[in-house]
Amino acid sequence: MALTFEEFLKVDIRVGTVQRSEVFEEARHPALKLWIDFGPKIGLKKTSAQITKHYTPEQMIGRKVAAVVNFSPKQIGKFMSEVLVLGFPDTDNEVVLLQPTTQIPDGGRLF
C-alpha cells in the first residue's frame, strides 16, 4: 500500500531528551518507563519501551530519542503511554533506538 505525502505529514515524529527512566516492573515483557521532554510546545510525555536488551535506565537519562507524538494514549497495565519511541531491530530482533547524530533542540520535527 502506497502512502501519500499528505498521509505522511499526519505522523508527527519529534526528537526529545529522556529526563527520567526506570524499569517497568509490572510489564509482561522486560521494558523501561521513559519520561521524555519534547520542548515547550509539546512538553514532557511518557512511554514504555521494550529496549532492555541494549539500554539500562541509567543509560537512557539525557539520551535524545525520536518518537511519534500524536498517537492516542495507550494504557499499558497501570501506566499510560503517550508516545511511541522509534527504533530498528538488530539481528536478534531487539530494538536499537533511532537517534540524531548531532545535537538538535527538543521538539524538532522529522521532515
PDB file of N, CA and C in Angstrom:
ATOM      1  N   MET A   1       0.846  -1.181   0.000  1.00  0.00           N
ATOM      2  CA  MET A   1       0.000   0.000   0.000  1.00  0.00           C
ATOM      3  C   MET A   1       0.890   1.243   0.000  1.00  0.00           C
ATOM      4  N   ALA A   2       0.650   2.113  -0.921  1.00  0.00           N
ATOM      5  CA  ALA A   2       1.408   3.357  -1.026  1.00  0.00           C
ATOM      6  C   ALA A   2       0.856   4.397  -0.058  1.00  0.00           C
ATOM      7  N   LEU A   3       1.741   5.194   0.452  1.00  0.00           N
ATOM      8  CA  LEU A   3       1.390   6.259   1.387  1.00  0.00           C
ATOM      9  C   LEU A   3       1.548   7.586   0.663  1.00  0.00           C
ATOM     10  N   THR A   4       0.550   8.443   0.739  1.00  0.00           N
ATOM     11  CA  THR A   4       0.680   9.752   0.117  1.00  0.00           C
ATOM     12  C   THR A   4       1.495  10.671   1.025  1.00  0.00           C
ATOM     13  N   PHE A   5       2.051  11.729   0.455  1.00  0.00           N
ATOM     14  CA  PHE A   5       2.817  12.687   1.234  1.00  0.00           C
ATOM     15  C   PHE A   5       1.939  13.339   2.298  1.00  0.00           C
ATOM     16  N   GLU A   6       0.683  13.600   1.968  1.00  0.00           N
ATOM     17  CA  GLU A   6      -0.246  14.205   2.923  1.00  0.00           C
ATOM     18  C   GLU A   6      -0.484  13.270   4.112  1.00  0.00           C
ATOM     19  N   GLU A   7      -0.549  11.958   3.845  1.00  0.00           N
ATOM     20  CA  GLU A   7      -0.709  10.999   4.928  1.00  0.00           C
ATOM     21  C   GLU A   7       0.544  10.968   5.808  1.00  0.00           C
ATOM     22  N   PHE A   8       1.715  11.015   5.185  1.00  0.00           N
ATOM     23  CA  PHE A   8       2.969  11.037   5.941  1.00  0.00           C
ATOM     24  C   PHE A   8       3.023  12.254   6.865  1.00  0.00           C
ATOM     25  N   LEU A   9       2.565  13.401   6.392  1.00  0.00           N
ATOM     26  CA  LEU A   9       2.608  14.618   7.203  1.00  0.00           C
ATOM     27  C   LEU A   9       1.724  14.531   8.452  1.00  0.00           C
ATOM     28  N   LYS A  10       0.785  13.610   8.468  1.00  0.00           N
ATOM     29  CA  LYS A  10      -0.074  13.427   9.647  1.00  0.00           C
ATOM     30  C   LYS A  10       0.673  12.762  10.796  1.00  0.00           C
ATOM     31  N   VAL A  11       1.760  12.043  10.490  1.00  0.00           N
ATOM     32  CA  VAL A  11       2.553  11.373  11.520  1.00  0.00           C
ATOM     33  C   VAL A  11       3.553  12.393  12.064  1.00  0.00           C
ATOM     34  N   ASP A  12       3.387  12.765  13.312  1.00  0.00           N
ATOM     35  CA  ASP A  12       4.216  13.799  13.937  1.00  0.00           C
ATOM     36  C   ASP A  12       5.360  13.137  14.712  1.00  0.00           C
ATOM     37  N   ILE A  13       6.546  13.095  14.090  1.00  0.00           N
ATOM     38  CA  ILE A  13       7.730  12.485  14.699  1.00  0.00           C
ATOM     39  C   ILE A  13       8.640  13.608  15.184  1.00  0.00           C
ATOM     40  N   ARG A  14       8.925  13.586  16.482  1.00  0.00           N
ATOM     41  CA  ARG A  14       9.727  14.639  17.112  1.00  0.00           C
ATOM     42  C   ARG A  14      10.917  14.048  17.855  1.00  0.00           C
ATOM     43  N   VAL A  15      11.900  14.888  18.121  1.00  0.00           N
ATOM     44  CA  VAL A  15      13.041  14.492  18.937  1.00  0.00           C
ATOM     45  C   VAL A  15      12.849  15.056  20.340  1.00  0.00           C
ATOM     46  N   GLY A  16      13.265  14.273  21.321  1.00  0.00           N
ATOM     47  CA  GLY A  16      13.184  14.713  22.706  1.00  0.00           C
ATOM     48  C   GLY A  16      14.317  14.125  23.518  1.00  0.00           C
ATOM     49  N   THR A  17      14.466  14.618  24.738  1.00  0.00           N
ATOM     50  CA  THR A  17      15.516  14.152  25.649  1.00  0.00           C
ATOM     51  C   THR A  17      14.882  13.415  26.824  1.00  0.00           C
ATOM     52  N   VAL A  18      15.381  12.218  27.088  1.00  0.00           N
ATOM     53  CA  VAL A  18      14.874  11.430  28.209  1.00  0.00           C
ATOM     54  C   VAL A  18      15.295  12.106  29.513  1.00  0.00           C
ATOM     55  N   GLN A  19      14.315  12.445  30.346  1.00  0.00           N
ATOM     56  CA  GLN A  19      14.554  13.107  31.628  1.00  0.00           C
ATOM     57  C   GLN A  19      14.565  12.115  32.790  1.00  0.00           C
ATOM     58  N   ARG A  20      13.776  11.058  32.637  1.00  0.00           N
ATOM     59  CA  ARG A  20      13.629  10.069  33.713  1.00  0.00           C
ATOM     60  C   ARG A  20      13.442   8.699  33.071  1.00  0.00           C
ATOM     61  N   SER A  21      13.974   7.674  33.707  1.00  0.00           N
ATOM     62  CA  SER A  21      13.866   6.313  33.193  1.00  0.00           C
ATOM     63  C   SER A  21      13.903   5.333  34.363  1.00  0.00           C
ATOM     64  N   GLU A  22      13.032   4.338  34.292  1.00  0.00           N
ATOM     65  CA  GLU A  22      13.024   3.311  35.332  1.00  0.00           C
ATOM     66  C   GLU A  22      12.524   1.998  34.750  1.00  0.00           C
ATOM     67  N   VAL A  23      12.852   0.904  35.414  1.00  0.00           N
ATOM     68  CA  VAL A  23      12.385  -0.409  34.999  1.00  0.00           C
ATOM     69  C   VAL A  23      10.866  -0.464  35.186  1.00  0.00           C
ATOM     70  N   PHE A  24      10.180  -1.003  34.192  1.00  0.00           N
ATOM     71  CA  PHE A  24       8.726  -1.178  34.247  1.00  0.00           C
ATOM     72  C   PHE A  24       8.460  -2.555  34.854  1.00  0.00           C
ATOM     73  N   GLU A  25       8.442  -2.606  36.175  1.00  0.00           N
ATOM     74  CA  GLU A  25       8.338  -3.861  36.926  1.00  0.00           C
ATOM     75  C   GLU A  25       7.089  -4.667  36.584  1.00  0.00           C
ATOM     76  N   GLU A  26       5.975  -3.989  36.313  1.00  0.00           N
ATOM     77  CA  GLU A  26       4.700  -4.669  36.089  1.00  0.00           C
ATOM     78  C   GLU A  26       4.511  -5.150  34.659  1.00  0.00           C
ATOM     79  N   ALA A  27       5.397  -4.809  33.747  1.00  0.00           N
ATOM     80  CA  ALA A  27       5.243  -5.166  32.337  1.00  0.00           C
ATOM     81  C   ALA A  27       5.349  -6.674  32.123  1.00  0.00           C
ATOM     82  N   ARG A  28       4.594  -7.180  31.152  1.00  0.00           N
ATOM     83  CA  ARG A  28       4.638  -8.613  30.809  1.00  0.00           C
ATOM     84  C   ARG A  28       5.974  -8.994  30.180  1.00  0.00           C
ATOM     85  N   HIS A  29       6.536  -8.077  29.394  1.00  0.00           N
ATOM     86  CA  HIS A  29       7.839  -8.273  28.758  1.00  0.00           C
ATOM     87  C   HIS A  29       8.777  -7.212  29.298  1.00  0.00           C
ATOM     88  N   PRO A  30      10.074  -7.511  29.456  1.00  0.00           N
ATOM     89  CA  PRO A  30      11.007  -6.517  30.007  1.00  0.00           C
ATOM     90  C   PRO A  30      10.909  -5.179  29.263  1.00  0.00           C
ATOM     91  N   ALA A  31      10.748  -4.118  30.030  1.00  0.00           N
ATOM     92  CA  ALA A  31      10.568  -2.792  29.447  1.00  0.00           C
ATOM     93  C   ALA A  31      11.048  -1.717  30.411  1.00  0.00           C
ATOM     94  N   LEU A  32      11.221  -0.526  29.867  1.00  0.00           N
ATOM     95  CA  LEU A  32      11.547   0.655  30.661  1.00  0.00           C
ATOM     96  C   LEU A  32      10.411   1.659  30.538  1.00  0.00           C
ATOM     97  N   LYS A  33      10.182   2.407  31.604  1.00  0.00           N
ATOM     98  CA  LYS A  33       9.311   3.583  31.556  1.00  0.00           C
ATOM     99  C   LYS A  33      10.213   4.771  31.271  1.00  0.00           C
ATOM    100  N   LEU A  34       9.793   5.616  30.328  1.00  0.00           N
ATOM    101  CA  LEU A  34      10.578   6.802  29.967  1.00  0.00           C
ATOM    102  C   LEU A  34       9.715   8.048  30.061  1.00  0.00           C
ATOM    103  N   TRP A  35      10.304   9.126  30.562  1.00  0.00           N
ATOM    104  CA  TRP A  35       9.691  10.447  30.554  1.00  0.00           C
ATOM    105  C   TRP A  35      10.575  11.312  29.661  1.00  0.00           C
ATOM    106  N   ILE A  36      10.002  11.811  28.568  1.00  0.00           N
ATOM    107  CA  ILE A  36      10.776  12.477  27.519  1.00  0.00           C
ATOM    108  C   ILE A  36      10.316  13.922  27.366  1.00  0.00           C
ATOM    109  N   ASP A  37      11.283  14.853  27.359  1.00  0.00           N
ATOM    110  CA  ASP A  37      10.998  16.275  27.165  1.00  0.00           C
ATOM    111  C   ASP A  37      11.055  16.590  25.678  1.00  0.00           C
ATOM    112  N   PHE A  38       9.924  17.009  25.110  1.00  0.00           N
ATOM    113  CA  PHE A  38       9.844  17.375  23.706  1.00  0.00           C
ATOM    114  C   PHE A  38       9.803  18.888  23.506  1.00  0.00           C
ATOM    115  N   GLY A  39      10.311  19.637  24.457  1.00  0.00           N
ATOM    116  CA  GLY A  39      10.381  21.088  24.324  1.00  0.00           C
ATOM    117  C   GLY A  39       9.102  21.778  24.751  1.00  0.00           C
ATOM    118  N   PRO A  40       9.104  23.124  24.680  1.00  0.00           N
ATOM    119  CA  PRO A  40       7.998  23.910  25.231  1.00  0.00           C
ATOM    120  C   PRO A  40       6.649  23.697  24.547  1.00  0.00           C
ATOM    121  N   LYS A  41       6.620  23.384  23.272  1.00  0.00           N
ATOM    122  CA  LYS A  41       5.343  23.234  22.560  1.00  0.00           C
ATOM    123  C   LYS A  41       4.617  21.947  22.968  1.00  0.00           C
ATOM    124  N   ILE A  42       5.353  20.849  23.133  1.00  0.00           N
ATOM    125  CA  ILE A  42       4.747  19.549  23.430  1.00  0.00           C
ATOM    126  C   ILE A  42       4.911  19.172  24.899  1.00  0.00           C
ATOM    127  N   GLY A  43       6.055  19.492  25.476  1.00  0.00           N
ATOM    128  CA  GLY A  43       6.286  19.229  26.892  1.00  0.00           C
ATOM    129  C   GLY A  43       6.768  17.826  27.192  1.00  0.00           C
ATOM    130  N   LEU A  44       6.575  17.420  28.435  1.00  0.00           N
ATOM    131  CA  LEU A  44       7.031  16.127  28.935  1.00  0.00           C
ATOM    132  C   LEU A  44       5.968  15.067  28.649  1.00  0.00           C
ATOM    133  N   LYS A  45       6.368  13.995  27.993  1.00  0.00           N
ATOM    134  CA  LYS A  45       5.470  12.875  27.683  1.00  0.00           C
ATOM    135  C   LYS A  45       6.112  11.594  28.193  1.00  0.00           C
ATOM    136  N   LYS A  46       5.276  10.593  28.465  1.00  0.00           N
ATOM    137  CA  LYS A  46       5.803   9.332  28.979  1.00  0.00           C
ATOM    138  C   LYS A  46       5.452   8.179  28.042  1.00  0.00           C
ATOM    139  N   THR A  47       6.256   7.128  28.150  1.00  0.00           N
ATOM    140  CA  THR A  47       6.044   5.941  27.343  1.00  0.00           C
ATOM    141  C   THR A  47       6.704   4.751  28.008  1.00  0.00           C
ATOM    142  N   SER A  48       6.352   3.565  27.547  1.00  0.00           N
ATOM    143  CA  SER A  48       7.102   2.376  27.929  1.00  0.00           C
ATOM    144  C   SER A  48       7.735   1.838  26.658  1.00  0.00           C
ATOM    145  N   ALA A  49       8.901   1.235  26.801  1.00  0.00           N
ATOM    146  CA  ALA A  49       9.625   0.731  25.639  1.00  0.00           C
ATOM    147  C   ALA A  49      10.339  -0.562  25.990  1.00  0.00           C
ATOM    148  N   GLN A  50      10.207  -1.547  25.127  1.00  0.00           N
ATOM    149  CA  GLN A  50      10.878  -2.835  25.317  1.00  0.00           C
ATOM    150  C   GLN A  50      12.284  -2.742  24.726  1.00  0.00           C
ATOM    151  N   ILE A  51      13.158  -2.042  25.445  1.00  0.00           N
ATOM    152  CA  ILE A  51      14.512  -1.748  24.957  1.00  0.00           C
ATOM    153  C   ILE A  51      15.592  -2.229  25.918  1.00  0.00           C
ATOM    154  N   THR A  52      15.233  -3.147  26.818  1.00  0.00           N
ATOM    155  CA  THR A  52      16.158  -3.530  27.888  1.00  0.00           C
ATOM    156  C   THR A  52      17.346  -4.369  27.423  1.00  0.00           C
ATOM    157  N   LYS A  53      17.310  -4.906  26.226  1.00  0.00           N
ATOM    158  CA  LYS A  53      18.436  -5.686  25.710  1.00  0.00           C
ATOM    159  C   LYS A  53      19.676  -4.800  25.529  1.00  0.00           C
ATOM    160  N   HIS A  54      19.470  -3.562  25.074  1.00  0.00           N
ATOM    161  CA  HIS A  54      20.587  -2.674  24.760  1.00  0.00           C
ATOM    162  C   HIS A  54      20.717  -1.474  25.688  1.00  0.00           C
ATOM    163  N   TYR A  55      19.703  -1.201  26.512  1.00  0.00           N
ATOM    164  CA  TYR A  55      19.702   0.033  27.300  1.00  0.00           C
ATOM    165  C   TYR A  55      19.271  -0.225  28.748  1.00  0.00           C
ATOM    166  N   THR A  56      19.969   0.426  29.681  1.00  0.00           N
ATOM    167  CA  THR A  56      19.576   0.409  31.088  1.00  0.00           C
ATOM    168  C   THR A  56      18.880   1.734  31.396  1.00  0.00           C
ATOM    169  N   PRO A  57      18.156   1.802  32.500  1.00  0.00           N
ATOM    170  CA  PRO A  57      17.541   3.088  32.858  1.00  0.00           C
ATOM    171  C   PRO A  57      18.574   4.217  32.950  1.00  0.00           C
ATOM    172  N   GLU A  58      19.733   3.913  33.518  1.00  0.00           N
ATOM    173  CA  GLU A  58      20.776   4.941  33.688  1.00  0.00           C
ATOM    174  C   GLU A  58      21.316   5.433  32.339  1.00  0.00           C
ATOM    175  N   GLN A  59      21.431   4.537  31.380  1.00  0.00           N
ATOM    176  CA  GLN A  59      21.932   4.913  30.050  1.00  0.00           C
ATOM    177  C   GLN A  59      20.950   5.793  29.286  1.00  0.00           C
ATOM    178  N   MET A  60      19.686   5.739  29.642  1.00  0.00           N
ATOM    179  CA  MET A  60      18.671   6.495  28.909  1.00  0.00           C
ATOM    180  C   MET A  60      18.602   7.961  29.322  1.00  0.00           C
ATOM    181  N   ILE A  61      19.010   8.285  30.540  1.00  0.00           N
ATOM    182  CA  ILE A  61      18.928   9.662  31.017  1.00  0.00           C
ATOM    183  C   ILE A  61      19.808  10.566  30.143  1.00  0.00           C
ATOM    184  N   GLY A  62      19.189  11.621  29.612  1.00  0.00           N
ATOM    185  CA  GLY A  62      19.909  12.573  28.767  1.00  0.00           C
ATOM    186  C   GLY A  62      20.017  12.165  27.313  1.00  0.00           C
ATOM    187  N   ARG A  63      19.550  10.979  26.956  1.00  0.00           N
ATOM    188  CA  ARG A  63      19.644  10.490  25.576  1.00  0.00           C
ATOM    189  C   ARG A  63      18.567  11.124  24.710  1.00  0.00           C
ATOM    190  N   LYS A  64      18.949  11.535  23.505  1.00  0.00           N
ATOM    191  CA  LYS A  64      17.991  12.027  22.516  1.00  0.00           C
ATOM    192  C   LYS A  64      17.335  10.830  21.846  1.00  0.00           C
ATOM    193  N   VAL A  65      16.014  10.894  21.697  1.00  0.00           N
ATOM    194  CA  VAL A  65      15.263   9.835  21.030  1.00  0.00           C
ATOM    195  C   VAL A  65      14.252  10.457  20.071  1.00  0.00           C
ATOM    196  N   ALA A  66      13.835   9.678  19.094  1.00  0.00           N
ATOM    197  CA  ALA A  66      12.775  10.087  18.168  1.00  0.00           C
ATOM    198  C   ALA A  66      11.515   9.327  18.548  1.00  0.00           C
ATOM    199  N   ALA A  67      10.374  10.001  18.445  1.00  0.00           N
ATOM    200  CA  ALA A  67       9.109   9.361  18.818  1.00  0.00           C
ATOM    201  C   ALA A  67       7.948   9.955  18.038  1.00  0.00           C
ATOM    202  N   VAL A  68       6.935   9.133  17.819  1.00  0.00           N
ATOM    203  CA  VAL A  68       5.668   9.618  17.275  1.00  0.00           C
ATOM    204  C   VAL A  68       4.913  10.214  18.455  1.00  0.00           C
ATOM    205  N   VAL A  69       4.554  11.493  18.352  1.00  0.00           N
ATOM    206  CA  VAL A  69       3.941  12.187  19.492  1.00  0.00           C
ATOM    207  C   VAL A  69       2.439  12.422  19.332  1.00  0.00           C
ATOM    208  N   ASN A  70       1.851  12.006  18.194  1.00  0.00           N
ATOM    209  CA  ASN A  70       0.424  12.287  18.014  1.00  0.00           C
ATOM    210  C   ASN A  70      -0.441  11.038  17.914  1.00  0.00           C
ATOM    211  N   PHE A  71       0.002   9.920  18.521  1.00  0.00           N
ATOM    212  CA  PHE A  71      -0.877   8.771  18.695  1.00  0.00           C
ATOM    213  C   PHE A  71      -1.779   9.025  19.895  1.00  0.00           C
ATOM    214  N   SER A  72      -2.916   8.351  19.920  1.00  0.00           N
ATOM    215  CA  SER A  72      -3.765   8.402  21.107  1.00  0.00           C
ATOM    216  C   SER A  72      -3.038   7.687  22.247  1.00  0.00           C
ATOM    217  N   PRO A  73      -3.186   8.166  23.486  1.00  0.00           N
ATOM    218  CA  PRO A  73      -2.556   7.477  24.619  1.00  0.00           C
ATOM    219  C   PRO A  73      -3.023   6.029  24.708  1.00  0.00           C
ATOM    220  N   LYS A  74      -2.137   5.165  25.193  1.00  0.00           N
ATOM    221  CA  LYS A  74      -2.440   3.732  25.304  1.00  0.00           C
ATOM    222  C   LYS A  74      -2.143   3.277  26.730  1.00  0.00           C
ATOM    223  N   GLN A  75      -3.127   2.645  27.352  1.00  0.00           N
ATOM    224  CA  GLN A  75      -2.967   2.112  28.698  1.00  0.00           C
ATOM    225  C   GLN A  75      -2.172   0.815  28.637  1.00  0.00           C
ATOM    226  N   ILE A  76      -1.056   0.751  29.364  1.00  0.00           N
ATOM    227  CA  ILE A  76      -0.237  -0.452  29.453  1.00  0.00           C
ATOM    228  C   ILE A  76      -0.143  -0.788  30.934  1.00  0.00           C
ATOM    229  N   GLY A  77      -0.974  -1.720  31.366  1.00  0.00           N
ATOM    230  CA  GLY A  77      -1.067  -2.004  32.794  1.00  0.00           C
ATOM    231  C   GLY A  77      -1.587  -0.778  33.515  1.00  0.00           C
ATOM    232  N   LYS A  78      -0.871  -0.355  34.550  1.00  0.00           N
ATOM    233  CA  LYS A  78      -1.257   0.846  35.305  1.00  0.00           C
ATOM    234  C   LYS A  78      -0.572   2.100  34.770  1.00  0.00           C
ATOM    235  N   PHE A  79       0.113   1.978  33.626  1.00  0.00           N
ATOM    236  CA  PHE A  79       0.910   3.073  33.075  1.00  0.00           C
ATOM    237  C   PHE A  79       0.293   3.545  31.760  1.00  0.00           C
ATOM    238  N   MET A  80       0.162   4.862  31.587  1.00  0.00           N
ATOM    239  CA  MET A  80      -0.388   5.425  30.359  1.00  0.00           C
ATOM    240  C   MET A  80       0.762   5.857  29.444  1.00  0.00           C
ATOM    241  N   SER A  81       0.868   5.204  28.288  1.00  0.00           N
ATOM    242  CA  SER A  81       1.891   5.534  27.308  1.00  0.00           C
ATOM    243  C   SER A  81       1.341   6.603  26.362  1.00  0.00           C
ATOM    244  N   GLU A  82       2.093   7.702  26.195  1.00  0.00           N
ATOM    245  CA  GLU A  82       1.608   8.833  25.410  1.00  0.00           C
ATOM    246  C   GLU A  82       2.306   8.998  24.067  1.00  0.00           C
ATOM    247  N   VAL A  83       3.457   8.386  23.881  1.00  0.00           N
ATOM    248  CA  VAL A  83       4.214   8.491  22.634  1.00  0.00           C
ATOM    249  C   VAL A  83       4.798   7.130  22.287  1.00  0.00           C
ATOM    250  N   LEU A  84       5.267   6.985  21.043  1.00  0.00           N
ATOM    251  CA  LEU A  84       5.905   5.753  20.589  1.00  0.00           C
ATOM    252  C   LEU A  84       7.347   6.058  20.206  1.00  0.00           C
ATOM    253  N   VAL A  85       8.286   5.551  20.992  1.00  0.00           N
ATOM    254  CA  VAL A  85       9.710   5.726  20.709  1.00  0.00           C
ATOM    255  C   VAL A  85      10.070   4.823  19.530  1.00  0.00           C
ATOM    256  N   LEU A  86      10.904   5.341  18.624  1.00  0.00           N
ATOM    257  CA  LEU A  86      11.215   4.625  17.384  1.00  0.00           C
ATOM    258  C   LEU A  86      12.585   3.965  17.406  1.00  0.00           C
ATOM    259  N   GLY A  87      12.662   2.809  16.792  1.00  0.00           N
ATOM    260  CA  GLY A  87      13.913   2.080  16.687  1.00  0.00           C
ATOM    261  C   GLY A  87      13.849   1.061  15.567  1.00  0.00           C
ATOM    262  N   PHE A  88      14.964   0.392  15.361  1.00  0.00           N
ATOM    263  CA  PHE A  88      15.082  -0.650  14.350  1.00  0.00           C
ATOM    264  C   PHE A  88      15.482  -1.955  15.014  1.00  0.00           C
ATOM    265  N   PRO A  89      15.115  -3.114  14.421  1.00  0.00           N
ATOM    266  CA  PRO A  89      15.524  -4.394  15.005  1.00  0.00           C
ATOM    267  C   PRO A  89      16.972  -4.723  14.665  1.00  0.00           C
ATOM    268  N   ASP A  90      17.700  -5.268  15.647  1.00  0.00           N
ATOM    269  CA  ASP A  90      19.047  -5.766  15.377  1.00  0.00           C
ATOM    270  C   ASP A  90      18.922  -7.197  14.837  1.00  0.00           C
ATOM    271  N   THR A  91      20.017  -7.915  14.710  1.00  0.00           N
ATOM    272  CA  THR A  91      19.979  -9.275  14.155  1.00  0.00           C
ATOM    273  C   THR A  91      19.216 -10.256  15.039  1.00  0.00           C
ATOM    274  N   ASP A  92      19.016  -9.916  16.317  1.00  0.00           N
ATOM    275  CA  ASP A  92      18.230 -10.752  17.236  1.00  0.00           C
ATOM    276  C   ASP A  92      16.805 -10.228  17.412  1.00  0.00           C
ATOM    277  N   ASN A  93      16.421  -9.250  16.575  1.00  0.00           N
ATOM    278  CA  ASN A  93      15.102  -8.619  16.625  1.00  0.00           C
ATOM    279  C   ASN A  93      14.880  -7.801  17.894  1.00  0.00           C
ATOM    280  N   GLU A  94      15.959  -7.323  18.498  1.00  0.00           N
ATOM    281  CA  GLU A  94      15.879  -6.438  19.670  1.00  0.00           C
ATOM    282  C   GLU A  94      15.978  -4.987  19.191  1.00  0.00           C
ATOM    283  N   VAL A  95      15.312  -4.076  19.887  1.00  0.00           N
ATOM    284  CA  VAL A  95      15.221  -2.682  19.455  1.00  0.00           C
ATOM    285  C   VAL A  95      16.530  -1.917  19.670  1.00  0.00           C
ATOM    286  N   VAL A  96      16.959  -1.242  18.601  1.00  0.00           N
ATOM    287  CA  VAL A  96      18.062  -0.278  18.645  1.00  0.00           C
ATOM    288  C   VAL A  96      17.422   1.070  18.327  1.00  0.00           C
ATOM    289  N   LEU A  97      17.534   2.004  19.241  1.00  0.00           N
ATOM    290  CA  LEU A  97      16.840   3.285  19.114  1.00  0.00           C
ATOM    291  C   LEU A  97      17.348   4.131  17.962  1.00  0.00           C
ATOM    292  N   LEU A  98      16.415   4.828  17.346  1.00  0.00           N
ATOM    293  CA  LEU A  98      16.712   5.827  16.327  1.00  0.00           C
ATOM    294  C   LEU A  98      17.031   7.123  17.068  1.00  0.00           C
ATOM    295  N   GLN A  99      18.180   7.727  16.755  1.00  0.00           N
ATOM    296  CA  GLN A  99      18.519   8.976  17.423  1.00  0.00           C
ATOM    297  C   GLN A  99      19.404   9.821  16.527  1.00  0.00           C
ATOM    298  N   PRO A 100      19.335  11.147  16.687  1.00  0.00           N
ATOM    299  CA  PRO A 100      20.161  12.036  15.859  1.00  0.00           C
ATOM    300  C   PRO A 100      21.645  11.901  16.214  1.00  0.00           C
ATOM    301  N   THR A 101      22.487  12.216  15.248  1.00  0.00           N
ATOM    302  CA  THR A 101      23.932  12.144  15.456  1.00  0.00           C
ATOM    303  C   THR A 101      24.528  13.506  15.791  1.00  0.00           C
ATOM    304  N   THR A 102      23.709  14.542  15.716  1.00  0.00           N
ATOM    305  CA  THR A 102      24.136  15.909  16.035  1.00  0.00           C
ATOM    306  C   THR A 102      23.149  16.485  17.039  1.00  0.00           C
ATOM    307  N   GLN A 103      23.638  17.336  17.943  1.00  0.00           N
ATOM    308  CA  GLN A 103      22.745  17.960  18.925  1.00  0.00           C
ATOM    309  C   GLN A 103      21.730  18.844  18.210  1.00  0.00           C
ATOM    310  N   ILE A 104      20.473  18.609  18.497  1.00  0.00           N
ATOM    311  CA  ILE A 104      19.377  19.418  17.970  1.00  0.00           C
ATOM    312  C   ILE A 104      18.411  19.720  19.107  1.00  0.00           C
ATOM    313  N   PRO A 105      17.633  20.801  18.974  1.00  0.00           N
ATOM    314  CA  PRO A 105      16.726  21.168  20.069  1.00  0.00           C
ATOM    315  C   PRO A 105      15.568  20.181  20.217  1.00  0.00           C
ATOM    316  N   ASP A 106      15.147  19.992  21.463  1.00  0.00           N
ATOM    317  CA  ASP A 106      13.975  19.159  21.735  1.00  0.00           C
ATOM    318  C   ASP A 106      12.769  19.736  21.029  1.00  0.00           C
ATOM    319  N   GLY A 107      11.956  18.831  20.486  1.00  0.00           N
ATOM    320  CA  GLY A 107      10.732  19.243  19.799  1.00  0.00           C
ATOM    321  C   GLY A 107      10.896  19.335  18.297  1.00  0.00           C
ATOM    322  N   GLY A 108      12.127  19.212  17.781  1.00  0.00           N
ATOM    323  CA  GLY A 108      12.334  19.277  16.335  1.00  0.00           C
ATOM    324  C   GLY A 108      11.544  18.182  15.638  1.00  0.00           C
ATOM    325  N   ARG A 109      10.894  18.551  14.516  1.00  0.00           N
ATOM    326  CA  ARG A 109      10.049  17.607  13.791  1.00  0.00           C
ATOM    327  C   ARG A 109      10.798  16.989  12.623  1.00  0.00           C
ATOM    328  N   LEU A 110      10.602  15.690  12.442  1.00  0.00           N
ATOM    329  CA  LEU A 110      11.185  14.975  11.310  1.00  0.00           C
ATOM    330  C   LEU A 110      10.524  15.450  10.020  1.00  0.00           C
ATOM    331  N   PHE A 111      11.354  15.720   9.026  1.00  0.00           N
ATOM    332  CA  PHE A 111      10.812  16.048   7.695  1.00  0.00           C
ATOM    333  C   PHE A 111      11.762  15.555   6.633  1.00  0.00           C
TER     334      PHE A 111
END
